[in-house]
């Protein structure tokens, strides 16, 4: 499953379902798809997501060294970058954020 996030303030962002659902939960919402955050609640959702990413176990881990023969995994904070940008733009322009399966 793919999940597409949209807002009138930013381009649509599509993520793999597992990553998207994890980020939605980190924003403080149920992982129901489709779903939405009203414009008035976007700043809180953004703050929740930033805090959750800072507190995630991945944030405390050191990056894997590719020379160790391990596959490099992209950290969740990196995968969340575009969603953080979308939420910030929505907060700046007082716009809703929606997500749906695609």
C-alpha atoms as a PDB file:
ATOM      1  CA  UNK A   1       0.000   0.000   0.000  1.00  0.00           C
ATOM      2  CA  UNK A   2       1.066   3.553  -0.709  1.00  0.00           C
ATOM      3  CA  UNK A   3      -0.200   6.583   1.198  1.00  0.00           C
ATOM      4  CA  UNK A   4      -0.361  10.029  -0.382  1.00  0.00           C
ATOM      5  CA  UNK A   5      -0.310  13.133   1.818  1.00  0.00           C
ATOM      6  CA  UNK A   6      -1.737  16.324   0.369  1.00  0.00           C
ATOM      7  CA  UNK A   7      -2.301  19.941   1.295  1.00  0.00           C
ATOM      8  CA  UNK A   8      -3.169  23.051  -0.649  1.00  0.00           C
ATOM      9  CA  UNK A   9       0.089  24.504   0.660  1.00  0.00           C
ATOM     10  CA  UNK A  10       2.502  21.870  -0.734  1.00  0.00           C
ATOM     11  CA  UNK A  11       2.997  19.236  -3.409  1.00  0.00           C
ATOM     12  CA  UNK A  12       1.600  15.757  -2.774  1.00  0.00           C
ATOM     13  CA  UNK A  13       3.939  13.318  -1.011  1.00  0.00           C
ATOM     14  CA  UNK A  14       3.626   9.534  -1.402  1.00  0.00           C
ATOM     15  CA  UNK A  15       5.205   7.092   1.050  1.00  0.00           C
ATOM     16  CA  UNK A  16       5.129   3.354   1.561  1.00  0.00           C
ATOM     17  CA  UNK A  17       2.245   2.395   3.824  1.00  0.00           C
ATOM     18  CA  UNK A  18       4.248   1.189   6.843  1.00  0.00           C
ATOM     19  CA  UNK A  19       6.333   4.361   6.975  1.00  0.00           C
ATOM     20  CA  UNK A  20       3.297   6.579   6.421  1.00  0.00           C
ATOM     21  CA  UNK A  21       1.271   4.873   9.162  1.00  0.00           C
ATOM     22  CA  UNK A  22       4.167   5.172  11.605  1.00  0.00           C
ATOM     23  CA  UNK A  23       4.496   8.900  10.873  1.00  0.00           C
ATOM     24  CA  UNK A  24       0.737   9.422  11.208  1.00  0.00           C
ATOM     25  CA  UNK A  25       0.825   7.769  14.651  1.00  0.00           C
ATOM     26  CA  UNK A  26       3.822   9.921  15.585  1.00  0.00           C
ATOM     27  CA  UNK A  27       1.764  13.014  14.678  1.00  0.00           C
ATOM     28  CA  UNK A  28      -0.706  11.909  17.342  1.00  0.00           C
ATOM     29  CA  UNK A  29      -3.407  10.528  15.059  1.00  0.00           C
ATOM     30  CA  UNK A  30      -4.847   7.085  14.523  1.00  0.00           C
ATOM     31  CA  UNK A  31      -3.424   5.316  11.533  1.00  0.00           C
ATOM     32  CA  UNK A  32      -6.747   5.341   9.733  1.00  0.00           C
ATOM     33  CA  UNK A  33      -6.498   5.865   5.995  1.00  0.00           C
ATOM     34  CA  UNK A  34      -7.974   8.109   4.697  1.00  0.00           C
ATOM     35  CA  UNK A  35      -7.504  10.751   7.353  1.00  0.00           C
ATOM     36  CA  UNK A  36      -6.849  14.420   7.903  1.00  0.00           C
ATOM     37  CA  UNK A  37      -5.492  17.088  10.220  1.00  0.00           C
ATOM     38  CA  UNK A  38      -7.464  20.314  10.318  1.00  0.00           C
ATOM     39  CA  UNK A  39      -5.487  23.510   9.749  1.00  0.00           C
ATOM     40  CA  UNK A  40      -5.824  24.566  13.392  1.00  0.00           C
ATOM     41  CA  UNK A  41      -4.284  21.245  14.518  1.00  0.00           C
ATOM     42  CA  UNK A  42      -1.394  21.123  12.038  1.00  0.00           C
ATOM     43  CA  UNK A  43       1.128  22.970  14.282  1.00  0.00           C
ATOM     44  CA  UNK A  44       0.520  20.462  17.096  1.00  0.00           C
ATOM     45  CA  UNK A  45       0.825  17.524  14.687  1.00  0.00           C
ATOM     46  CA  UNK A  46       4.110  18.969  13.403  1.00  0.00           C
ATOM     47  CA  UNK A  47       5.449  19.446  16.931  1.00  0.00           C
ATOM     48  CA  UNK A  48       4.384  15.909  17.898  1.00  0.00           C
ATOM     49  CA  UNK A  49       6.118  14.422  14.870  1.00  0.00           C
ATOM     50  CA  UNK A  50       9.343  16.355  15.466  1.00  0.00           C
ATOM     51  CA  UNK A  51       9.400  15.308  19.126  1.00  0.00           C
ATOM     52  CA  UNK A  52       8.654  11.675  18.315  1.00  0.00           C
ATOM     53  CA  UNK A  53      11.433  11.585  15.712  1.00  0.00           C
ATOM     54  CA  UNK A  54      13.902  13.044  18.229  1.00  0.00           C
ATOM     55  CA  UNK A  55      12.863  10.409  20.781  1.00  0.00           C
ATOM     56  CA  UNK A  56      12.787   7.450  18.389  1.00  0.00           C
ATOM     57  CA  UNK A  57      15.228   4.579  18.967  1.00  0.00           C
ATOM     58  CA  UNK A  58      16.667   5.199  15.490  1.00  0.00           C
ATOM     59  CA  UNK A  59      17.746   8.701  16.528  1.00  0.00           C
ATOM     60  CA  UNK A  60      19.967   7.256  19.256  1.00  0.00           C
ATOM     61  CA  UNK A  61      21.635   4.680  17.007  1.00  0.00           C
ATOM     62  CA  UNK A  62      24.822   5.402  15.180  1.00  0.00           C
ATOM     63  CA  UNK A  63      24.631   4.988  11.407  1.00  0.00           C
ATOM     64  CA  UNK A  64      25.685   1.593  10.109  1.00  0.00           C
ATOM     65  CA  UNK A  65      29.048   1.495   8.395  1.00  0.00           C
ATOM     66  CA  UNK A  66      28.658   0.192   4.832  1.00  0.00           C
ATOM     67  CA  UNK A  67      32.081  -1.447   5.116  1.00  0.00           C
ATOM     68  CA  UNK A  68      30.716  -3.748   7.824  1.00  0.00           C
ATOM     69  CA  UNK A  69      28.794  -5.619   5.137  1.00  0.00           C
ATOM     70  CA  UNK A  70      25.436  -4.480   6.481  1.00  0.00           C
ATOM     71  CA  UNK A  71      22.785  -2.972   4.281  1.00  0.00           C
ATOM     72  CA  UNK A  72      22.344   0.690   4.985  1.00  0.00           C
ATOM     73  CA  UNK A  73      18.872   1.540   6.239  1.00  0.00           C
ATOM     74  CA  UNK A  74      17.471   4.997   5.612  1.00  0.00           C
ATOM     75  CA  UNK A  75      16.574   6.508   9.006  1.00  0.00           C
ATOM     76  CA  UNK A  76      12.927   7.329   9.615  1.00  0.00           C
ATOM     77  CA  UNK A  77      13.826  10.991  10.190  1.00  0.00           C
ATOM     78  CA  UNK A  78      15.227  11.118   6.660  1.00  0.00           C
ATOM     79  CA  UNK A  79      12.144   9.436   5.218  1.00  0.00           C
ATOM     80  CA  UNK A  80       9.984  11.909   7.178  1.00  0.00           C
ATOM     81  CA  UNK A  81      11.703  15.007   5.780  1.00  0.00           C
ATOM     82  CA  UNK A  82       9.150  15.663   3.028  1.00  0.00           C
ATOM     83  CA  UNK A  83       6.231  15.189   5.445  1.00  0.00           C
ATOM     84  CA  UNK A  84       7.838  17.655   7.866  1.00  0.00           C
ATOM     85  CA  UNK A  85       8.111  20.145   4.994  1.00  0.00           C
ATOM     86  CA  UNK A  86       4.476  19.573   4.000  1.00  0.00           C
ATOM     87  CA  UNK A  87       3.288  20.054   7.592  1.00  0.00           C
ATOM     88  CA  UNK A  88       5.378  23.220   7.970  1.00  0.00           C
ATOM     89  CA  UNK A  89       3.971  24.680   4.758  1.00  0.00           C
ATOM     90  CA  UNK A  90       0.432  23.788   5.838  1.00  0.00           C
ATOM     91  CA  UNK A  91       1.018  25.428   9.236  1.00  0.00           C
ATOM     92  CA  UNK A  92       2.475  28.544   7.607  1.00  0.00           C
ATOM     93  CA  UNK A  93      -0.507  28.886   5.252  1.00  0.00           C
ATOM     94  CA  UNK A  94      -3.215  27.680   7.660  1.00  0.00           C
ATOM     95  CA  UNK A  95      -4.177  24.742   5.420  1.00  0.00           C
ATOM     96  CA  UNK A  96      -5.504  21.249   6.156  1.00  0.00           C
ATOM     97  CA  UNK A  97      -3.447  18.105   5.577  1.00  0.00           C
ATOM     98  CA  UNK A  98      -5.083  14.961   4.219  1.00  0.00           C
ATOM     99  CA  UNK A  99      -3.863  11.453   3.466  1.00  0.00           C
ATOM    100  CA  UNK A 100      -5.319   8.650   1.402  1.00  0.00           C
ATOM    101  CA  UNK A 101      -4.247   5.304   0.013  1.00  0.00           C
ATOM    102  CA  UNK A 102      -3.045   5.380  -3.537  1.00  0.00           C
END
